[in-house]
Amino acid sequence: MPLRNITHRLAPIVLMTALAVPTLWGCAPPRTTIVRVNPPAPLVEVRTARPGRGYVWVRGHWRWTGHRYVWIHGHWLRRPRGHAVWISGRWVRRGGGWIWISGHWRG
C-alpha cells in the first residue's frame, strides 16, 4: 500500500485522538485533599433578611487554604428550580484526616 494511502487513512484517526485526549483529561475526577488539622467548630452567624422568594440560606463554613482554615460567610442563594433542596457542605473524617464535601442542589 503506498505511503499516501496510509497517511490518508491515519489522518482522521490521529485528528480524533488529538481532539479526544484533552476532553478526557477534563473529565478526570477532582483530587481530594486530606487535611490533617481538625476543622474548627462552625461560627454562629446571624442571617440577614431574605432577599426575596426562592432564596435559601447557605451556612458559613471553614475552608482550608493549604496552610490554615478561613471562614466563608453564609449567604443567600437563589433556588435554581422550585423543588430543589440545598444540601449543605460538610467536613468528613477520612483517611487519617478531614475532607470537604461541597454543598449542592438536589432535585
Protein backbone atom coordinates (compact mmCIF):
# COMPACT_ATOMS: atom_id res chain seq x y z
CA MET A 1 0.00 0.00 0.00
CA PRO A 2 1.55 3.37 -0.95
CA LEU A 3 2.53 5.77 1.83
CA ARG A 4 -0.02 8.33 0.64
CA ASN A 5 -2.93 5.88 1.20
CA ILE A 6 -1.70 5.08 4.71
CA THR A 7 -1.43 8.79 5.53
CA HIS A 8 -4.96 9.48 4.28
CA ARG A 9 -6.35 6.59 6.32
CA LEU A 10 -4.48 7.51 9.52
CA ALA A 11 -5.08 11.28 9.41
CA PRO A 12 -8.71 11.10 10.67
CA ILE A 13 -7.72 8.71 13.46
CA VAL A 14 -4.85 10.94 14.58
CA LEU A 15 -7.10 14.01 14.47
CA MET A 16 -9.88 12.37 16.50
CA THR A 17 -7.36 11.14 19.09
CA ALA A 18 -5.83 14.61 19.37
CA LEU A 19 -9.26 16.13 19.96
CA ALA A 20 -10.44 13.43 22.40
CA VAL A 21 -7.46 13.29 24.76
CA PRO A 22 -7.82 16.85 26.16
CA THR A 23 -11.55 16.22 26.62
CA LEU A 24 -10.83 13.09 28.63
CA TRP A 25 -8.34 14.99 30.77
CA GLY A 26 -11.13 17.44 31.64
CA CYS A 27 -13.31 14.53 32.79
CA ALA A 28 -10.90 13.40 35.49
CA PRO A 29 -12.45 13.49 38.97
CA PRO A 30 -11.24 16.35 41.17
CA ARG A 31 -8.39 15.47 43.50
CA THR A 32 -9.38 15.14 47.15
CA THR A 33 -7.17 16.89 49.69
CA ILE A 34 -6.92 15.26 53.10
CA VAL A 35 -6.41 17.91 55.79
CA ARG A 36 -4.54 16.66 58.86
CA VAL A 37 -5.71 19.57 61.05
CA ASN A 38 -9.19 19.28 62.60
CA PRO A 39 -11.60 21.94 61.33
CA PRO A 40 -12.68 24.47 63.97
CA ALA A 41 -16.24 24.49 65.27
CA PRO A 42 -18.62 26.40 62.99
CA LEU A 43 -19.18 30.05 63.87
CA VAL A 44 -22.63 31.27 64.82
CA GLU A 45 -23.90 33.67 62.16
CA VAL A 46 -26.86 36.00 62.07
CA ARG A 47 -28.88 35.59 58.88
CA THR A 48 -29.63 38.75 57.01
CA ALA A 49 -33.13 39.35 55.67
CA ARG A 50 -34.06 37.03 52.81
CA PRO A 51 -33.69 38.99 49.56
CA GLY A 52 -36.89 37.50 48.12
CA ARG A 53 -38.93 34.38 47.45
CA GLY A 54 -37.00 31.39 46.16
CA TYR A 55 -33.82 32.03 48.16
CA VAL A 56 -32.28 29.60 50.66
CA TRP A 57 -29.65 30.25 53.30
CA VAL A 58 -26.26 28.60 52.72
CA ARG A 59 -24.49 28.29 56.07
CA GLY A 60 -20.99 29.60 56.50
CA HIS A 61 -18.15 27.08 56.71
CA TRP A 62 -14.43 26.72 57.24
CA ARG A 63 -12.33 26.43 54.06
CA TRP A 64 -8.80 25.01 54.08
CA THR A 65 -6.31 27.23 52.20
CA GLY A 66 -3.48 24.72 52.26
CA HIS A 67 -1.99 26.37 55.35
CA ARG A 68 -4.91 27.30 57.60
CA TYR A 69 -8.69 27.47 57.84
CA VAL A 70 -10.56 30.64 56.82
CA TRP A 71 -14.22 31.32 57.47
CA ILE A 72 -16.51 31.63 54.44
CA HIS A 73 -19.58 33.63 55.47
CA GLY A 74 -23.09 32.30 54.96
CA HIS A 75 -25.17 33.83 52.19
CA TRP A 76 -28.48 33.64 50.38
CA LEU A 77 -28.59 31.61 47.18
CA ARG A 78 -31.40 31.61 44.64
CA ARG A 79 -33.04 28.21 44.20
CA PRO A 80 -32.40 27.00 40.60
CA ARG A 81 -35.72 25.08 40.46
CA GLY A 82 -38.84 25.37 42.57
CA HIS A 83 -38.44 21.94 44.16
CA ALA A 84 -34.62 21.99 44.60
CA VAL A 85 -33.22 21.45 48.10
CA TRP A 86 -29.81 22.72 49.24
CA ILE A 87 -27.60 20.02 50.79
CA SER A 88 -25.04 21.78 52.98
CA GLY A 89 -21.33 21.15 52.61
CA ARG A 90 -19.58 19.42 55.49
CA TRP A 91 -16.22 18.21 56.78
CA VAL A 92 -15.96 14.41 56.95
CA ARG A 93 -13.27 12.35 58.72
CA ARG A 94 -11.46 10.24 56.14
CA GLY A 95 -8.02 8.68 55.64
CA GLY A 96 -6.48 9.90 58.89
CA GLY A 97 -7.70 13.46 58.35
CA TRP A 98 -10.60 15.54 57.07
CA ILE A 99 -12.06 16.13 53.60
CA TRP A 100 -14.56 18.76 52.49
CA ILE A 101 -17.76 17.55 50.80
CA SER A 102 -19.15 20.54 48.87
CA GLY A 103 -22.73 21.66 49.19
CA HIS A 104 -25.01 21.03 46.22
CA TRP A 105 -28.58 21.17 44.97
CA ARG A 106 -30.74 18.05 44.99
CA GLY A 107 -33.86 17.71 42.92
